[in-house]
Amino acid sequence: MILGVSLATFTMVHVIISLIAIVAGLVVMFGMLCSKRMPGLTAIFLGFTILTSASGFLIPPLLFERLLPSHMIGILSLVLLAIACFALYGMKLAGAWRWIYALTALVSLYLNVFVLVIQSFLKVPALHALAPSVPPAELPFAIVQGIVLVFFVVVIIGVIRRYWPTPAYA
């Protein structure tokens, strides 16, 4: 039991939260390329990404018996999200905080997609057959992760260059 629900239920909720965070994050990312402010969707993206990063620490074998790569990704993601939230809500994207927000928010999205790819290769039978080791290490897995990384690097560079949202008026 985790927080009063079965492990299976908790894991399913964690996965749903992760998928909502990823979908919202991708929409926000493409909106950023057009300098579009999406305050509601951005809040959903940031909130659900924080929730998925934090809830991942509660899943057993991930409980802190020893520091695992998943813990390091979760900690890094939460630090990046804290900076992104501060840049957006505290500093209102003023000056350098604009690109700091874009970088930290989108790297945290990348980390969520990185974990999605790992979990897909572990849980989807057709993908697992291509990379059966745990964790996946075979060439098909490396190719997919490489494509995801290159995609995010290109888009993040584009966002940093093009994201100049108009100020929000109160």
N, C-alpha and C. Protein backbone atom coordinates (compact mmCIF):
# COMPACT_ATOMS: atom_id res chain seq x y z
N MET A 1 0.83 -1.19 0.00
CA MET A 1 0.00 0.00 0.00
C MET A 1 0.88 1.25 0.00
N ILE A 2 0.49 2.21 -0.82
CA ILE A 2 1.16 3.50 -0.87
C ILE A 2 0.08 4.57 -0.75
N LEU A 3 0.17 5.41 0.25
CA LEU A 3 -0.80 6.47 0.48
C LEU A 3 -2.24 5.94 0.48
N GLY A 4 -2.42 4.73 1.02
CA GLY A 4 -3.75 4.15 1.17
C GLY A 4 -4.29 3.44 -0.05
N VAL A 5 -3.51 3.31 -1.11
CA VAL A 5 -3.95 2.58 -2.30
C VAL A 5 -2.96 1.48 -2.63
N SER A 6 -3.39 0.51 -3.41
CA SER A 6 -2.51 -0.59 -3.78
C SER A 6 -1.35 -0.08 -4.64
N LEU A 7 -0.29 -0.86 -4.67
CA LEU A 7 0.87 -0.49 -5.51
C LEU A 7 0.45 -0.38 -6.97
N ALA A 8 -0.39 -1.29 -7.45
CA ALA A 8 -0.83 -1.26 -8.85
C ALA A 8 -1.61 0.03 -9.14
N THR A 9 -2.50 0.41 -8.25
CA THR A 9 -3.28 1.64 -8.44
C THR A 9 -2.38 2.86 -8.39
N PHE A 10 -1.48 2.89 -7.41
CA PHE A 10 -0.57 4.03 -7.29
C PHE A 10 0.29 4.16 -8.54
N THR A 11 0.80 3.03 -9.03
CA THR A 11 1.64 3.04 -10.23
C THR A 11 0.84 3.54 -11.44
N MET A 12 -0.41 3.09 -11.57
CA MET A 12 -1.24 3.53 -12.68
C MET A 12 -1.50 5.04 -12.60
N VAL A 13 -1.79 5.55 -11.42
CA VAL A 13 -1.99 6.99 -11.26
C VAL A 13 -0.70 7.75 -11.59
N HIS A 14 0.44 7.23 -11.14
CA HIS A 14 1.74 7.85 -11.44
C HIS A 14 1.96 7.91 -12.96
N VAL A 15 1.64 6.84 -13.66
CA VAL A 15 1.81 6.80 -15.12
C VAL A 15 0.88 7.80 -15.79
N ILE A 16 -0.37 7.87 -15.36
CA ILE A 16 -1.32 8.81 -15.94
C ILE A 16 -0.85 10.25 -15.71
N ILE A 17 -0.38 10.54 -14.50
CA ILE A 17 0.15 11.88 -14.20
C ILE A 17 1.33 12.19 -15.12
N SER A 18 2.21 11.21 -15.31
CA SER A 18 3.37 11.40 -16.18
C SER A 18 2.96 11.71 -17.61
N LEU A 19 1.97 10.96 -18.11
CA LEU A 19 1.53 11.16 -19.49
C LEU A 19 0.85 12.53 -19.66
N ILE A 20 0.05 12.94 -18.67
CA ILE A 20 -0.55 14.28 -18.72
C ILE A 20 0.55 15.34 -18.75
N ALA A 21 1.57 15.16 -17.91
CA ALA A 21 2.68 16.12 -17.86
C ALA A 21 3.40 16.19 -19.20
N ILE A 22 3.63 15.04 -19.82
CA ILE A 22 4.35 15.01 -21.09
C ILE A 22 3.53 15.66 -22.21
N VAL A 23 2.26 15.31 -22.30
CA VAL A 23 1.41 15.88 -23.36
C VAL A 23 1.29 17.40 -23.17
N ALA A 24 1.02 17.83 -21.94
CA ALA A 24 0.93 19.27 -21.68
C ALA A 24 2.26 19.95 -21.98
N GLY A 25 3.35 19.31 -21.59
CA GLY A 25 4.67 19.88 -21.83
C GLY A 25 5.01 20.01 -23.30
N LEU A 26 4.62 19.03 -24.10
CA LEU A 26 4.88 19.11 -25.53
C LEU A 26 4.07 20.24 -26.17
N VAL A 27 2.82 20.40 -25.75
CA VAL A 27 2.00 21.50 -26.28
C VAL A 27 2.62 22.84 -25.88
N VAL A 28 3.02 22.96 -24.61
CA VAL A 28 3.64 24.19 -24.14
C VAL A 28 4.95 24.46 -24.90
N MET A 29 5.74 23.41 -25.11
CA MET A 29 7.01 23.56 -25.82
C MET A 29 6.79 24.12 -27.22
N PHE A 30 5.82 23.56 -27.96
CA PHE A 30 5.57 24.06 -29.31
C PHE A 30 4.95 25.46 -29.27
N GLY A 31 4.18 25.75 -28.24
CA GLY A 31 3.68 27.10 -28.06
C GLY A 31 4.80 28.08 -27.82
N MET A 32 5.80 27.66 -27.06
CA MET A 32 6.95 28.52 -26.78
C MET A 32 7.69 28.87 -28.06
N LEU A 33 7.72 27.95 -29.01
CA LEU A 33 8.38 28.23 -30.29
C LEU A 33 7.70 29.40 -31.02
N CYS A 34 6.41 29.61 -30.73
CA CYS A 34 5.66 30.71 -31.35
C CYS A 34 5.46 31.86 -30.37
N SER A 35 6.18 31.86 -29.25
CA SER A 35 6.07 32.89 -28.22
C SER A 35 4.66 33.02 -27.66
N LYS A 36 3.93 31.93 -27.61
CA LYS A 36 2.58 31.97 -27.08
C LYS A 36 2.60 31.71 -25.58
N ARG A 37 1.89 32.56 -24.86
CA ARG A 37 1.69 32.36 -23.42
C ARG A 37 0.54 31.37 -23.26
N MET A 38 0.75 30.37 -22.49
CA MET A 38 -0.28 29.39 -22.20
C MET A 38 -0.30 29.18 -20.69
N PRO A 39 -0.77 30.17 -19.93
CA PRO A 39 -0.62 30.09 -18.48
C PRO A 39 -1.29 28.87 -17.85
N GLY A 40 -2.48 28.52 -18.29
CA GLY A 40 -3.17 27.37 -17.70
C GLY A 40 -2.47 26.07 -18.01
N LEU A 41 -2.15 25.86 -19.27
CA LEU A 41 -1.47 24.63 -19.68
C LEU A 41 -0.06 24.56 -19.11
N THR A 42 0.59 25.71 -19.01
CA THR A 42 1.93 25.74 -18.40
C THR A 42 1.85 25.32 -16.94
N ALA A 43 0.84 25.79 -16.22
CA ALA A 43 0.67 25.40 -14.82
C ALA A 43 0.40 23.89 -14.70
N ILE A 44 -0.38 23.36 -15.63
CA ILE A 44 -0.64 21.91 -15.64
C ILE A 44 0.65 21.16 -15.90
N PHE A 45 1.40 21.60 -16.90
CA PHE A 45 2.68 20.96 -17.21
C PHE A 45 3.62 20.98 -16.01
N LEU A 46 3.82 22.15 -15.43
CA LEU A 46 4.76 22.25 -14.30
C LEU A 46 4.25 21.47 -13.09
N GLY A 47 2.98 21.63 -12.76
CA GLY A 47 2.42 20.94 -11.59
C GLY A 47 2.45 19.43 -11.73
N PHE A 48 2.03 18.93 -12.87
CA PHE A 48 2.01 17.48 -13.06
C PHE A 48 3.42 16.91 -13.18
N THR A 49 4.35 17.67 -13.73
CA THR A 49 5.74 17.19 -13.80
C THR A 49 6.36 17.14 -12.42
N ILE A 50 6.06 18.14 -11.59
CA ILE A 50 6.52 18.10 -10.19
C ILE A 50 5.91 16.88 -9.49
N LEU A 51 4.61 16.67 -9.70
CA LEU A 51 3.91 15.56 -9.05
C LEU A 51 4.47 14.21 -9.50
N THR A 52 4.75 14.06 -10.78
CA THR A 52 5.28 12.77 -11.24
C THR A 52 6.71 12.55 -10.73
N SER A 53 7.51 13.62 -10.68
CA SER A 53 8.87 13.47 -10.17
C SER A 53 8.86 13.11 -8.69
N ALA A 54 8.00 13.76 -7.93
CA ALA A 54 7.92 13.51 -6.49
C ALA A 54 7.31 12.14 -6.20
N SER A 55 6.24 11.78 -6.91
CA SER A 55 5.57 10.51 -6.62
C SER A 55 6.43 9.31 -7.00
N GLY A 56 7.36 9.50 -7.92
CA GLY A 56 8.25 8.40 -8.30
C GLY A 56 9.10 7.90 -7.15
N PHE A 57 9.36 8.76 -6.19
CA PHE A 57 10.17 8.35 -5.03
C PHE A 57 9.41 7.40 -4.11
N LEU A 58 8.09 7.31 -4.25
CA LEU A 58 7.29 6.48 -3.36
C LEU A 58 7.09 5.06 -3.87
N ILE A 59 7.49 4.83 -5.12
CA ILE A 59 7.28 3.50 -5.70
C ILE A 59 8.34 2.54 -5.18
N PRO A 60 7.94 1.42 -4.62
CA PRO A 60 8.92 0.47 -4.08
C PRO A 60 9.74 -0.14 -5.18
N PRO A 61 10.54 -0.61 -5.58
CA PRO A 61 11.96 -0.72 -5.28
C PRO A 61 12.68 0.60 -5.35
N LEU A 62 11.95 1.71 -5.60
CA LEU A 62 12.60 3.01 -5.71
C LEU A 62 12.75 3.70 -4.36
N LEU A 63 12.10 3.15 -3.33
CA LEU A 63 12.26 3.75 -2.02
C LEU A 63 13.74 3.76 -1.65
N PHE A 64 14.15 4.74 -0.89
CA PHE A 64 15.56 4.97 -0.64
C PHE A 64 16.22 3.87 0.20
N GLU A 65 16.56 2.76 -0.44
CA GLU A 65 17.45 1.79 0.19
C GLU A 65 18.88 2.14 -0.22
N ARG A 66 19.01 2.60 -1.44
CA ARG A 66 20.28 3.11 -1.96
C ARG A 66 19.96 4.08 -3.09
N LEU A 67 20.90 4.94 -3.42
CA LEU A 67 20.69 5.92 -4.47
C LEU A 67 20.73 5.24 -5.84
N LEU A 68 19.65 5.38 -6.58
CA LEU A 68 19.54 4.77 -7.90
C LEU A 68 19.55 5.85 -8.99
N PRO A 69 19.81 5.48 -10.24
CA PRO A 69 19.73 6.46 -11.32
C PRO A 69 18.37 7.16 -11.38
N SER A 70 17.31 6.42 -11.08
CA SER A 70 15.97 7.02 -11.10
C SER A 70 15.85 8.12 -10.04
N HIS A 71 16.50 7.92 -8.88
CA HIS A 71 16.50 8.97 -7.86
C HIS A 71 17.23 10.21 -8.36
N MET A 72 18.35 10.00 -9.02
CA MET A 72 19.13 11.14 -9.52
C MET A 72 18.33 11.92 -10.57
N ILE A 73 17.62 11.21 -11.45
CA ILE A 73 16.79 11.89 -12.44
C ILE A 73 15.66 12.66 -11.75
N GLY A 74 15.04 12.04 -10.75
CA GLY A 74 13.98 12.71 -10.01
C GLY A 74 14.46 13.94 -9.28
N ILE A 75 15.60 13.84 -8.63
CA ILE A 75 16.17 14.99 -7.91
C ILE A 75 16.53 16.11 -8.88
N LEU A 76 17.19 15.76 -9.99
CA LEU A 76 17.55 16.76 -11.00
C LEU A 76 16.30 17.43 -11.56
N SER A 77 15.29 16.64 -11.86
CA SER A 77 14.05 17.19 -12.39
C SER A 77 13.41 18.16 -11.41
N LEU A 78 13.35 17.80 -10.14
CA LEU A 78 12.74 18.68 -9.14
C LEU A 78 13.53 19.98 -8.96
N VAL A 79 14.85 19.90 -9.03
CA VAL A 79 15.67 21.12 -8.94
C VAL A 79 15.40 22.01 -10.16
N LEU A 80 15.39 21.41 -11.35
CA LEU A 80 15.11 22.18 -12.57
C LEU A 80 13.72 22.81 -12.52
N LEU A 81 12.75 22.05 -12.03
CA LEU A 81 11.38 22.57 -11.96
C LEU A 81 11.26 23.70 -10.95
N ALA A 82 12.00 23.61 -9.84
CA ALA A 82 11.99 24.70 -8.86
C ALA A 82 12.54 25.98 -9.50
N ILE A 83 13.61 25.84 -10.25
CA ILE A 83 14.19 27.01 -10.94
C ILE A 83 13.22 27.54 -11.98
N ALA A 84 12.59 26.64 -12.75
CA ALA A 84 11.63 27.06 -13.78
C ALA A 84 10.46 27.81 -13.15
N CYS A 85 9.93 27.29 -12.06
CA CYS A 85 8.80 27.96 -11.38
C CYS A 85 9.22 29.32 -10.84
N PHE A 86 10.41 29.41 -10.28
CA PHE A 86 10.90 30.69 -9.77
C PHE A 86 11.07 31.69 -10.91
N ALA A 87 11.64 31.22 -12.03
CA ALA A 87 11.85 32.12 -13.19
C ALA A 87 10.53 32.62 -13.75
N LEU A 88 9.55 31.73 -13.82
CA LEU A 88 8.25 32.09 -14.41
C LEU A 88 7.39 32.89 -13.46
N TYR A 89 7.20 32.36 -12.26
CA TYR A 89 6.24 32.99 -11.34
C TYR A 89 6.88 34.03 -10.43
N GLY A 90 8.13 33.83 -10.05
CA GLY A 90 8.80 34.77 -9.17
C GLY A 90 9.44 35.93 -9.90
N MET A 91 10.15 35.61 -10.95
CA MET A 91 10.89 36.65 -11.69
C MET A 91 10.15 37.11 -12.96
N LYS A 92 9.02 36.50 -13.27
CA LYS A 92 8.16 36.91 -14.40
C LYS A 92 8.92 36.93 -15.74
N LEU A 93 9.90 36.04 -15.88
CA LEU A 93 10.69 35.89 -17.11
C LEU A 93 11.49 37.14 -17.47
N ALA A 94 11.77 38.00 -16.49
CA ALA A 94 12.51 39.23 -16.75
C ALA A 94 13.97 38.93 -17.07
N GLY A 95 14.47 39.58 -18.09
CA GLY A 95 15.89 39.45 -18.45
C GLY A 95 16.30 38.02 -18.74
N ALA A 96 17.39 37.60 -18.10
CA ALA A 96 17.93 36.26 -18.32
C ALA A 96 16.98 35.17 -17.82
N TRP A 97 16.02 35.50 -16.98
CA TRP A 97 15.10 34.50 -16.47
C TRP A 97 14.23 33.90 -17.57
N ARG A 98 14.10 34.58 -18.70
CA ARG A 98 13.34 34.04 -19.83
C ARG A 98 14.00 32.78 -20.35
N TRP A 99 15.29 32.86 -20.67
CA TRP A 99 15.95 31.68 -21.21
C TRP A 99 16.23 30.64 -20.13
N ILE A 100 16.42 31.08 -18.90
CA ILE A 100 16.59 30.13 -17.79
C ILE A 100 15.33 29.30 -17.62
N TYR A 101 14.17 29.98 -17.69
CA TYR A 101 12.90 29.25 -17.61
C TYR A 101 12.78 28.26 -18.76
N ALA A 102 13.00 28.72 -19.97
CA ALA A 102 12.86 27.85 -21.14
C ALA A 102 13.76 26.63 -21.02
N LEU A 103 15.00 26.84 -20.65
CA LEU A 103 15.95 25.74 -20.54
C LEU A 103 15.55 24.76 -19.44
N THR A 104 15.27 25.25 -18.25
CA THR A 104 14.98 24.35 -17.13
C THR A 104 13.65 23.62 -17.32
N ALA A 105 12.64 24.31 -17.82
CA ALA A 105 11.35 23.66 -18.03
C ALA A 105 11.46 22.57 -19.10
N LEU A 106 12.17 22.86 -20.18
CA LEU A 106 12.23 21.90 -21.28
C LEU A 106 13.21 20.77 -21.00
N VAL A 107 14.24 21.00 -20.23
CA VAL A 107 15.11 19.88 -19.83
C VAL A 107 14.35 18.95 -18.89
N SER A 108 13.51 19.51 -18.02
CA SER A 108 12.70 18.63 -17.16
C SER A 108 11.70 17.83 -18.00
N LEU A 109 11.15 18.44 -19.05
CA LEU A 109 10.28 17.69 -19.97
C LEU A 109 11.08 16.58 -20.66
N TYR A 110 12.28 16.90 -21.11
CA TYR A 110 13.14 15.89 -21.73
C TYR A 110 13.37 14.71 -20.77
N LEU A 111 13.66 15.00 -19.52
CA LEU A 111 13.90 13.93 -18.55
C LEU A 111 12.67 13.04 -18.40
N ASN A 112 11.49 13.65 -18.44
CA ASN A 112 10.25 12.87 -18.36
C ASN A 112 10.09 11.97 -19.59
N VAL A 113 10.41 12.50 -20.77
CA VAL A 113 10.33 11.71 -22.00
C VAL A 113 11.42 10.63 -21.99
N PHE A 114 12.61 10.96 -21.49
CA PHE A 114 13.70 9.99 -21.35
C PHE A 114 13.22 8.78 -20.54
N VAL A 115 12.57 9.03 -19.43
CA VAL A 115 12.06 7.95 -18.58
C VAL A 115 10.94 7.20 -19.31
N LEU A 116 10.08 7.93 -20.06
CA LEU A 116 9.03 7.28 -20.84
C LEU A 116 9.62 6.28 -21.83
N VAL A 117 10.70 6.65 -22.49
CA VAL A 117 11.34 5.75 -23.46
C VAL A 117 11.89 4.52 -22.73
N ILE A 118 12.55 4.73 -21.60
CA ILE A 118 13.08 3.59 -20.83
C ILE A 118 11.94 2.66 -20.44
N GLN A 119 10.89 3.23 -19.85
CA GLN A 119 9.76 2.40 -19.39
C GLN A 119 9.07 1.71 -20.57
N SER A 120 9.01 2.37 -21.72
CA SER A 120 8.41 1.75 -22.91
C SER A 120 9.20 0.52 -23.33
N PHE A 121 10.53 0.62 -23.31
CA PHE A 121 11.35 -0.52 -23.69
C PHE A 121 11.29 -1.63 -22.64
N LEU A 122 10.98 -1.30 -21.41
CA LEU A 122 10.84 -2.31 -20.37
C LEU A 122 9.47 -2.97 -20.37
N LYS A 123 8.41 -2.23 -20.71
CA LYS A 123 7.03 -2.71 -20.53
C LYS A 123 6.31 -3.10 -21.81
N VAL A 124 6.66 -2.51 -22.94
CA VAL A 124 5.99 -2.83 -24.21
C VAL A 124 6.70 -4.04 -24.83
N PRO A 125 5.99 -5.18 -24.97
CA PRO A 125 6.65 -6.41 -25.43
C PRO A 125 7.44 -6.27 -26.73
N ALA A 126 6.89 -5.58 -27.72
CA ALA A 126 7.59 -5.45 -29.00
C ALA A 126 8.90 -4.67 -28.84
N LEU A 127 8.89 -3.63 -28.02
CA LEU A 127 10.11 -2.86 -27.78
C LEU A 127 11.08 -3.64 -26.89
N HIS A 128 10.54 -4.33 -25.91
CA HIS A 128 11.40 -5.12 -25.01
C HIS A 128 12.14 -6.21 -25.78
N ALA A 129 11.50 -6.76 -26.80
CA ALA A 129 12.16 -7.78 -27.63
C ALA A 129 13.36 -7.20 -28.37
N LEU A 130 13.31 -5.89 -28.69
CA LEU A 130 14.43 -5.23 -29.38
C LEU A 130 15.58 -4.90 -28.44
N ALA A 131 15.26 -4.73 -27.15
CA ALA A 131 16.27 -4.37 -26.15
C ALA A 131 15.91 -5.07 -24.84
N PRO A 132 16.25 -6.38 -24.75
CA PRO A 132 15.78 -7.16 -23.60
C PRO A 132 16.55 -6.97 -22.29
N SER A 133 17.68 -6.30 -22.30
CA SER A 133 18.42 -6.15 -21.05
C SER A 133 17.69 -5.17 -20.12
N VAL A 134 17.96 -5.29 -18.84
CA VAL A 134 17.36 -4.39 -17.85
C VAL A 134 18.49 -3.73 -17.08
N PRO A 135 18.70 -2.42 -17.17
CA PRO A 135 17.97 -1.50 -18.05
C PRO A 135 18.36 -1.72 -19.50
N PRO A 136 17.53 -1.25 -20.44
CA PRO A 136 17.81 -1.45 -21.86
C PRO A 136 19.15 -0.81 -22.25
N ALA A 137 19.91 -1.54 -23.05
CA ALA A 137 21.21 -1.01 -23.47
C ALA A 137 21.53 -1.34 -24.93
N GLU A 138 20.63 -2.01 -25.61
CA GLU A 138 20.90 -2.42 -26.98
C GLU A 138 20.78 -1.25 -27.96
N LEU A 139 21.25 -1.46 -29.19
CA LEU A 139 21.30 -0.42 -30.21
C LEU A 139 19.94 0.22 -30.50
N PRO A 140 18.84 -0.53 -30.64
CA PRO A 140 17.56 0.15 -30.91
C PRO A 140 17.18 1.15 -29.81
N PHE A 141 17.43 0.79 -28.56
CA PHE A 141 17.15 1.70 -27.45
C PHE A 141 18.04 2.94 -27.55
N ALA A 142 19.32 2.74 -27.82
CA ALA A 142 20.26 3.86 -27.94
C ALA A 142 19.87 4.78 -29.10
N ILE A 143 19.41 4.20 -30.19
CA ILE A 143 19.00 5.01 -31.34
C ILE A 143 17.80 5.88 -30.98
N VAL A 144 16.79 5.27 -30.35
CA VAL A 144 15.60 6.03 -29.97
C VAL A 144 15.96 7.14 -28.99
N GLN A 145 16.75 6.83 -27.97
CA GLN A 145 17.14 7.85 -27.00
C GLN A 145 17.98 8.95 -27.68
N GLY A 146 18.81 8.56 -28.64
CA GLY A 146 19.60 9.56 -29.38
C GLY A 146 18.72 10.49 -30.19
N ILE A 147 17.71 9.94 -30.85
CA ILE A 147 16.77 10.76 -31.62
C ILE A 147 16.02 11.72 -30.70
N VAL A 148 15.56 11.21 -29.55
CA VAL A 148 14.85 12.06 -28.59
C VAL A 148 15.77 13.19 -28.11
N LEU A 149 17.01 12.85 -27.80
CA LEU A 149 17.96 13.86 -27.32
C LEU A 149 18.22 14.93 -28.37
N VAL A 150 18.47 14.53 -29.60
CA VAL A 150 18.73 15.50 -30.68
C VAL A 150 17.50 16.38 -30.91
N PHE A 151 16.32 15.76 -30.91
CA PHE A 151 15.08 16.53 -31.06
C PHE A 151 14.98 17.61 -29.99
N PHE A 152 15.20 17.23 -28.73
CA PHE A 152 15.07 18.20 -27.64
C PHE A 152 16.15 19.27 -27.70
N VAL A 153 17.37 18.91 -28.05
CA VAL A 153 18.43 19.92 -28.16
C VAL A 153 18.06 20.95 -29.23
N VAL A 154 17.61 20.48 -30.38
CA VAL A 154 17.24 21.40 -31.47
C VAL A 154 16.07 22.29 -31.05
N VAL A 155 15.04 21.68 -30.47
CA VAL A 155 13.86 22.47 -30.08
C VAL A 155 14.20 23.45 -28.95
N ILE A 156 14.98 23.01 -27.98
CA ILE A 156 15.34 23.91 -26.87
C ILE A 156 16.13 25.11 -27.39
N ILE A 157 17.07 24.87 -28.30
CA ILE A 157 17.81 25.99 -28.89
C ILE A 157 16.85 26.93 -29.62
N GLY A 158 15.90 26.35 -30.37
CA GLY A 158 14.91 27.17 -31.06
C GLY A 158 14.05 27.97 -30.10
N VAL A 159 13.63 27.34 -29.01
CA VAL A 159 12.80 28.04 -28.03
C VAL A 159 13.58 29.18 -27.38
N ILE A 160 14.82 28.92 -27.00
CA ILE A 160 15.62 29.97 -26.35
C ILE A 160 15.77 31.17 -27.29
N ARG A 161 15.90 30.91 -28.57
CA ARG A 161 16.04 32.01 -29.54
C ARG A 161 14.72 32.71 -29.84
N ARG A 162 13.60 31.98 -29.77
CA ARG A 162 12.33 32.52 -30.27
C ARG A 162 11.30 32.83 -29.20
N TYR A 163 11.51 32.40 -27.96
CA TYR A 163 10.48 32.58 -26.93
C TYR A 163 10.59 33.96 -26.31
N TRP A 164 9.76 34.87 -26.80
CA TRP A 164 9.69 36.24 -26.30
C TRP A 164 8.22 36.56 -26.05
N PRO A 165 7.65 35.97 -25.00
CA PRO A 165 6.21 36.17 -24.76
C PRO A 165 5.91 37.61 -24.39
N THR A 166 4.72 38.04 -24.78
CA THR A 166 4.29 39.37 -24.36
C THR A 166 4.01 39.33 -22.86
N PRO A 167 4.26 40.43 -22.17
CA PRO A 167 4.02 40.43 -20.73
C PRO A 167 2.56 40.20 -20.40
N ALA A 168 2.33 39.50 -19.30
CA ALA A 168 0.96 39.28 -18.83
C ALA A 168 0.49 40.56 -18.13
N TYR A 169 -0.73 40.93 -18.39
CA TYR A 169 -1.28 42.13 -17.76
C TYR A 169 -2.26 41.72 -16.69
N ALA A 170 -2.17 42.35 -15.55
CA ALA A 170 -3.04 42.02 -14.43
C ALA A 170 -4.29 42.85 -14.46
